[in-house]
């Protein structure tokens, strides 16, 4: 099992594909982005980063893209 963590605004994951998930969060944090910025980005399906986009959309709008 791989462990990766990006601290600062509450992003953490423990997964074999953690680097794929963390990369997007770290980029947004570096540019002082928000959940809205992540939610408005395109997330291809099926990928792990789609989960980041879905979580950001829930945090931003309160509604999932896929339900």
C-alpha atoms as a PDB file:
ATOM      1  CA  UNK A   1       0.000   0.000   0.000  1.00  0.00           C
ATOM      2  CA  UNK A   2       1.303   3.468  -0.908  1.00  0.00           C
ATOM      3  CA  UNK A   3       0.786   6.433   1.335  1.00  0.00           C
ATOM      4  CA  UNK A   4       0.755  10.026   0.151  1.00  0.00           C
ATOM      5  CA  UNK A   5      -0.493  13.169   1.789  1.00  0.00           C
ATOM      6  CA  UNK A   6      -0.864  16.825   0.860  1.00  0.00           C
ATOM      7  CA  UNK A   7      -1.450  18.972   3.898  1.00  0.00           C
ATOM      8  CA  UNK A   8      -2.533  22.549   4.109  1.00  0.00           C
ATOM      9  CA  UNK A   9      -6.212  22.588   3.245  1.00  0.00           C
ATOM     10  CA  UNK A  10      -7.269  19.092   4.154  1.00  0.00           C
ATOM     11  CA  UNK A  11      -6.344  16.781   1.303  1.00  0.00           C
ATOM     12  CA  UNK A  12      -5.295  13.254   2.250  1.00  0.00           C
ATOM     13  CA  UNK A  13      -5.445   9.868   0.563  1.00  0.00           C
ATOM     14  CA  UNK A  14      -4.025   6.410   1.181  1.00  0.00           C
ATOM     15  CA  UNK A  15      -4.183   4.396  -2.012  1.00  0.00           C
ATOM     16  CA  UNK A  16      -1.976   2.726  -4.607  1.00  0.00           C
ATOM     17  CA  UNK A  17      -2.935   5.522  -7.029  1.00  0.00           C
ATOM     18  CA  UNK A  18      -2.502   8.293  -4.462  1.00  0.00           C
ATOM     19  CA  UNK A  19      -0.065  10.279  -6.596  1.00  0.00           C
ATOM     20  CA  UNK A  20      -2.711  10.668  -9.314  1.00  0.00           C
ATOM     21  CA  UNK A  21      -5.181  12.075  -6.797  1.00  0.00           C
ATOM     22  CA  UNK A  22      -2.733  14.254  -4.891  1.00  0.00           C
ATOM     23  CA  UNK A  23      -1.245  15.896  -8.008  1.00  0.00           C
ATOM     24  CA  UNK A  24      -4.456  17.748  -8.781  1.00  0.00           C
ATOM     25  CA  UNK A  25      -4.960  18.876  -5.185  1.00  0.00           C
ATOM     26  CA  UNK A  26      -1.387  20.131  -4.862  1.00  0.00           C
ATOM     27  CA  UNK A  27      -1.638  22.086  -8.121  1.00  0.00           C
ATOM     28  CA  UNK A  28      -4.823  23.797  -6.971  1.00  0.00           C
ATOM     29  CA  UNK A  29      -3.278  24.551  -3.569  1.00  0.00           C
ATOM     30  CA  UNK A  30      -0.156  26.030  -5.211  1.00  0.00           C
ATOM     31  CA  UNK A  31      -2.265  28.484  -7.196  1.00  0.00           C
ATOM     32  CA  UNK A  32      -4.600  29.260  -4.260  1.00  0.00           C
ATOM     33  CA  UNK A  33      -7.498  27.638  -6.067  1.00  0.00           C
ATOM     34  CA  UNK A  34     -10.783  26.511  -4.592  1.00  0.00           C
ATOM     35  CA  UNK A  35     -13.181  23.591  -4.776  1.00  0.00           C
ATOM     36  CA  UNK A  36     -14.985  25.523  -7.490  1.00  0.00           C
ATOM     37  CA  UNK A  37     -11.812  25.617  -9.596  1.00  0.00           C
ATOM     38  CA  UNK A  38     -11.446  21.837  -9.333  1.00  0.00           C
ATOM     39  CA  UNK A  39     -15.142  21.248  -9.983  1.00  0.00           C
ATOM     40  CA  UNK A  40     -15.051  23.331 -13.159  1.00  0.00           C
ATOM     41  CA  UNK A  41     -12.139  21.319 -14.611  1.00  0.00           C
ATOM     42  CA  UNK A  42     -12.766  18.380 -16.910  1.00  0.00           C
ATOM     43  CA  UNK A  43     -12.254  14.982 -15.277  1.00  0.00           C
ATOM     44  CA  UNK A  44     -12.196  12.073 -17.703  1.00  0.00           C
ATOM     45  CA  UNK A  45     -14.130   8.910 -17.023  1.00  0.00           C
ATOM     46  CA  UNK A  46     -13.132   6.403 -15.764  1.00  0.00           C
ATOM     47  CA  UNK A  47     -10.118   7.742 -13.860  1.00  0.00           C
ATOM     48  CA  UNK A  48      -9.129   8.206 -10.241  1.00  0.00           C
ATOM     49  CA  UNK A  49      -9.050  11.985 -10.639  1.00  0.00           C
ATOM     50  CA  UNK A  50     -12.766  11.838 -11.358  1.00  0.00           C
ATOM     51  CA  UNK A  51     -13.240  11.200  -7.620  1.00  0.00           C
ATOM     52  CA  UNK A  52     -11.424  14.458  -6.803  1.00  0.00           C
ATOM     53  CA  UNK A  53     -13.670  16.346  -9.196  1.00  0.00           C
ATOM     54  CA  UNK A  54     -16.774  14.741  -7.743  1.00  0.00           C
ATOM     55  CA  UNK A  55     -15.753  15.621  -4.177  1.00  0.00           C
ATOM     56  CA  UNK A  56     -14.962  19.200  -5.200  1.00  0.00           C
ATOM     57  CA  UNK A  57     -18.328  19.537  -6.935  1.00  0.00           C
ATOM     58  CA  UNK A  58     -20.102  18.320  -3.783  1.00  0.00           C
ATOM     59  CA  UNK A  59     -18.146  20.807  -1.642  1.00  0.00           C
ATOM     60  CA  UNK A  60     -18.801  23.666  -4.053  1.00  0.00           C
ATOM     61  CA  UNK A  61     -22.383  23.156  -5.216  1.00  0.00           C
ATOM     62  CA  UNK A  62     -23.756  20.522  -2.870  1.00  0.00           C
ATOM     63  CA  UNK A  63     -24.796  18.367  -5.823  1.00  0.00           C
ATOM     64  CA  UNK A  64     -22.882  15.475  -7.357  1.00  0.00           C
ATOM     65  CA  UNK A  65     -22.352  15.314 -11.108  1.00  0.00           C
ATOM     66  CA  UNK A  66     -23.038  11.585 -11.041  1.00  0.00           C
ATOM     67  CA  UNK A  67     -25.782  10.358  -8.765  1.00  0.00           C
END
